[in-house]
Amino acid sequence: MVQYEKARLDASFAALSDATRRGVLEQLGRADASITDLAEKFHMTLTGMKKHVSVLEQAGLVTTEKVGRVRTCKLGLRGLDEEAAWIESYRQLWDARFDDLDEVVEELKRKEKLDGRNKRE
């Protein structure tokens, strides 16, 4: 299995675990926005939004730039390729396990049919 940088995955998944932060990423995917605009859009205080943006920034998912009194946020330069690869490896593992389970269920159904026929004879 591919080796992943644990701290990076932890930071990414922690950042993505919150619905507001996922919403901020969606919003920034459409257009850059100031922290004030984001706070208004998500009906929260400026301080609350700054905390969310800070978590996203620490994970490398968002960058900010201060010009004058306005701090503008935009999507970070790194994507979520490593996180997607980690998820994909587990998806493949679970798919294989469910395929094995399907085979067991089908075998049990075949045996049940045979047992039913043998009892009638």
C-alpha atoms as a PDB file:
ATOM      1  CA  MET A   1       0.000   0.000   0.000  1.00  0.00           C
ATOM      2  CA  VAL A   2       1.211   3.512  -0.756  1.00  0.00           C
ATOM      3  CA  GLN A   3       2.806   5.329   2.171  1.00  0.00           C
ATOM      4  CA  TYR A   4       1.051   8.547   3.129  1.00  0.00           C
ATOM      5  CA  GLU A   5       2.322  11.418   5.203  1.00  0.00           C
ATOM      6  CA  LYS A   6       0.285  10.914   8.371  1.00  0.00           C
ATOM      7  CA  ALA A   7       0.399  14.518   9.584  1.00  0.00           C
ATOM      8  CA  ARG A   8      -0.785  15.814   6.218  1.00  0.00           C
ATOM      9  CA  LEU A   9      -3.659  13.342   6.041  1.00  0.00           C
ATOM     10  CA  ASP A  10      -4.632  14.110   9.635  1.00  0.00           C
ATOM     11  CA  ALA A  11      -4.663  17.856   8.928  1.00  0.00           C
ATOM     12  CA  SER A  12      -6.640  17.434   5.704  1.00  0.00           C
ATOM     13  CA  PHE A  13      -9.281  15.125   7.135  1.00  0.00           C
ATOM     14  CA  ALA A  14      -9.595  17.233  10.286  1.00  0.00           C
ATOM     15  CA  ALA A  15     -10.141  20.307   8.099  1.00  0.00           C
ATOM     16  CA  LEU A  16     -12.656  18.469   5.922  1.00  0.00           C
ATOM     17  CA  SER A  17     -14.546  17.017   8.889  1.00  0.00           C
ATOM     18  CA  ASP A  18     -16.451  20.252   9.431  1.00  0.00           C
ATOM     19  CA  ALA A  19     -19.403  21.165   7.180  1.00  0.00           C
ATOM     20  CA  THR A  20     -18.623  24.891   7.339  1.00  0.00           C
ATOM     21  CA  ARG A  21     -15.054  24.327   6.178  1.00  0.00           C
ATOM     22  CA  ARG A  22     -16.238  22.101   3.337  1.00  0.00           C
ATOM     23  CA  GLY A  23     -18.671  24.866   2.409  1.00  0.00           C
ATOM     24  CA  VAL A  24     -15.862  27.428   2.445  1.00  0.00           C
ATOM     25  CA  LEU A  25     -13.872  25.236   0.048  1.00  0.00           C
ATOM     26  CA  GLU A  26     -16.887  24.954  -2.246  1.00  0.00           C
ATOM     27  CA  GLN A  27     -17.355  28.718  -2.157  1.00  0.00           C
ATOM     28  CA  LEU A  28     -13.683  29.393  -2.861  1.00  0.00           C
ATOM     29  CA  GLY A  29     -13.858  26.920  -5.733  1.00  0.00           C
ATOM     30  CA  ARG A  30     -16.250  29.366  -7.394  1.00  0.00           C
ATOM     31  CA  ALA A  31     -14.432  32.600  -6.506  1.00  0.00           C
ATOM     32  CA  ASP A  32     -11.939  34.097  -4.065  1.00  0.00           C
ATOM     33  CA  ALA A  33     -13.594  35.788  -1.093  1.00  0.00           C
ATOM     34  CA  SER A  34     -12.726  37.907   1.889  1.00  0.00           C
ATOM     35  CA  ILE A  35     -13.098  36.491   5.385  1.00  0.00           C
ATOM     36  CA  THR A  36     -15.832  39.087   5.966  1.00  0.00           C
ATOM     37  CA  ASP A  37     -17.769  37.861   2.916  1.00  0.00           C
ATOM     38  CA  LEU A  38     -17.389  34.252   4.024  1.00  0.00           C
ATOM     39  CA  ALA A  39     -18.534  35.082   7.561  1.00  0.00           C
ATOM     40  CA  GLU A  40     -21.649  36.786   6.189  1.00  0.00           C
ATOM     41  CA  LYS A  41     -22.412  33.949   3.787  1.00  0.00           C
ATOM     42  CA  PHE A  42     -22.177  31.363   6.566  1.00  0.00           C
ATOM     43  CA  HIS A  43     -23.953  33.554   9.147  1.00  0.00           C
ATOM     44  CA  MET A  44     -21.111  33.522  11.632  1.00  0.00           C
ATOM     45  CA  THR A  45     -18.865  35.936  13.451  1.00  0.00           C
ATOM     46  CA  LEU A  46     -15.674  37.187  11.896  1.00  0.00           C
ATOM     47  CA  THR A  47     -13.696  35.489  14.675  1.00  0.00           C
ATOM     48  CA  GLY A  48     -15.429  32.172  14.027  1.00  0.00           C
ATOM     49  CA  MET A  49     -14.715  32.341  10.312  1.00  0.00           C
ATOM     50  CA  LYS A  50     -11.080  33.289  10.947  1.00  0.00           C
ATOM     51  CA  LYS A  51     -10.713  30.094  12.992  1.00  0.00           C
ATOM     52  CA  HIS A  52     -12.198  27.976  10.195  1.00  0.00           C
ATOM     53  CA  VAL A  53      -9.984  29.630   7.594  1.00  0.00           C
ATOM     54  CA  SER A  54      -6.951  29.104   9.835  1.00  0.00           C
ATOM     55  CA  VAL A  55      -7.620  25.351  10.018  1.00  0.00           C
ATOM     56  CA  LEU A  56      -7.960  25.208   6.225  1.00  0.00           C
ATOM     57  CA  GLU A  57      -4.811  27.272   5.813  1.00  0.00           C
ATOM     58  CA  GLN A  58      -2.794  25.032   8.155  1.00  0.00           C
ATOM     59  CA  ALA A  59      -3.893  22.027   6.095  1.00  0.00           C
ATOM     60  CA  GLY A  60      -2.707  23.788   2.945  1.00  0.00           C
ATOM     61  CA  LEU A  61      -6.193  23.813   1.440  1.00  0.00           C
ATOM     62  CA  VAL A  62      -6.570  27.612   1.529  1.00  0.00           C
ATOM     63  CA  THR A  63      -4.205  30.544   1.235  1.00  0.00           C
ATOM     64  CA  THR A  64      -4.880  34.068   2.424  1.00  0.00           C
ATOM     65  CA  GLU A  65      -3.473  37.422   1.464  1.00  0.00           C
ATOM     66  CA  LYS A  66      -3.956  40.647   3.355  1.00  0.00           C
ATOM     67  CA  VAL A  67      -4.213  43.830   1.325  1.00  0.00           C
ATOM     68  CA  GLY A  68      -4.910  46.817   3.526  1.00  0.00           C
ATOM     69  CA  ARG A  69      -7.609  45.782   5.959  1.00  0.00           C
ATOM     70  CA  VAL A  70      -9.038  43.009   3.787  1.00  0.00           C
ATOM     71  CA  ARG A  71      -7.848  39.402   4.040  1.00  0.00           C
ATOM     72  CA  THR A  72      -8.733  37.532   0.852  1.00  0.00           C
ATOM     73  CA  CYS A  73      -8.969  33.752   0.762  1.00  0.00           C
ATOM     74  CA  LYS A  74      -8.418  31.453  -2.203  1.00  0.00           C
ATOM     75  CA  LEU A  75      -7.969  27.754  -2.708  1.00  0.00           C
ATOM     76  CA  GLY A  76      -4.506  26.495  -1.811  1.00  0.00           C
ATOM     77  CA  LEU A  77      -2.070  25.308  -4.432  1.00  0.00           C
ATOM     78  CA  ARG A  78      -2.132  21.677  -3.406  1.00  0.00           C
ATOM     79  CA  GLY A  79      -4.974  19.419  -4.354  1.00  0.00           C
ATOM     80  CA  LEU A  80      -6.359  16.466  -2.497  1.00  0.00           C
ATOM     81  CA  ASP A  81      -4.634  13.819  -4.627  1.00  0.00           C
ATOM     82  CA  GLU A  82      -2.953  12.096  -1.683  1.00  0.00           C
ATOM     83  CA  GLU A  83      -6.196  12.048   0.292  1.00  0.00           C
ATOM     84  CA  ALA A  84      -8.122  10.721  -2.706  1.00  0.00           C
ATOM     85  CA  ALA A  85      -5.510   7.969  -3.191  1.00  0.00           C
ATOM     86  CA  TRP A  86      -5.819   6.988   0.475  1.00  0.00           C
ATOM     87  CA  ILE A  87      -9.609   6.781   0.191  1.00  0.00           C
ATOM     88  CA  GLU A  88      -9.342   4.840  -3.084  1.00  0.00           C
ATOM     89  CA  SER A  89      -7.076   2.216  -1.501  1.00  0.00           C
ATOM     90  CA  TYR A  90      -9.705   1.550   1.157  1.00  0.00           C
ATOM     91  CA  ARG A  91     -12.511   1.582  -1.391  1.00  0.00           C
ATOM     92  CA  GLN A  92     -10.712  -1.162  -3.305  1.00  0.00           C
ATOM     93  CA  LEU A  93     -10.172  -3.150  -0.107  1.00  0.00           C
ATOM     94  CA  TRP A  94     -13.866  -2.952   0.824  1.00  0.00           C
ATOM     95  CA  ASP A  95     -14.967  -3.762  -2.733  1.00  0.00           C
ATOM     96  CA  ALA A  96     -12.866  -6.932  -2.598  1.00  0.00           C
ATOM     97  CA  ARG A  97     -14.341  -7.880   0.771  1.00  0.00           C
ATOM     98  CA  PHE A  98     -17.896  -7.306  -0.453  1.00  0.00           C
ATOM     99  CA  ASP A  99     -17.163  -9.401  -3.558  1.00  0.00           C
ATOM    100  CA  ASP A 100     -15.982 -12.222  -1.268  1.00  0.00           C
ATOM    101  CA  LEU A 101     -19.124 -11.840   0.828  1.00  0.00           C
ATOM    102  CA  ASP A 102     -21.296 -12.003  -2.312  1.00  0.00           C
ATOM    103  CA  GLU A 103     -19.648 -15.315  -3.200  1.00  0.00           C
ATOM    104  CA  VAL A 104     -20.362 -16.720   0.277  1.00  0.00           C
ATOM    105  CA  VAL A 105     -24.005 -15.617   0.073  1.00  0.00           C
ATOM    106  CA  GLU A 106     -24.420 -17.156  -3.392  1.00  0.00           C
ATOM    107  CA  GLU A 107     -22.884 -20.428  -2.173  1.00  0.00           C
ATOM    108  CA  LEU A 108     -25.251 -20.481   0.812  1.00  0.00           C
ATOM    109  CA  LYS A 109     -28.213 -19.891  -1.510  1.00  0.00           C
ATOM    110  CA  ARG A 110     -27.113 -22.792  -3.741  1.00  0.00           C
ATOM    111  CA  LYS A 111     -26.767 -25.075  -0.714  1.00  0.00           C
ATOM    112  CA  GLU A 112     -30.180 -23.969   0.583  1.00  0.00           C
ATOM    113  CA  LYS A 113     -31.788 -24.806  -2.771  1.00  0.00           C
ATOM    114  CA  LEU A 114     -30.132 -28.221  -2.827  1.00  0.00           C
ATOM    115  CA  ASP A 115     -31.177 -28.915   0.750  1.00  0.00           C
ATOM    116  CA  GLY A 116     -34.754 -27.954  -0.127  1.00  0.00           C
ATOM    117  CA  ARG A 117     -34.781 -30.316  -3.101  1.00  0.00           C
ATOM    118  CA  ASN A 118     -33.299 -33.163  -1.062  1.00  0.00           C
ATOM    119  CA  LYS A 119     -35.956 -32.782   1.651  1.00  0.00           C
ATOM    120  CA  ARG A 120     -38.793 -33.003  -0.930  1.00  0.00           C
ATOM    121  CA  GLU A 121     -37.454 -36.222  -2.444  1.00  0.00           C
END
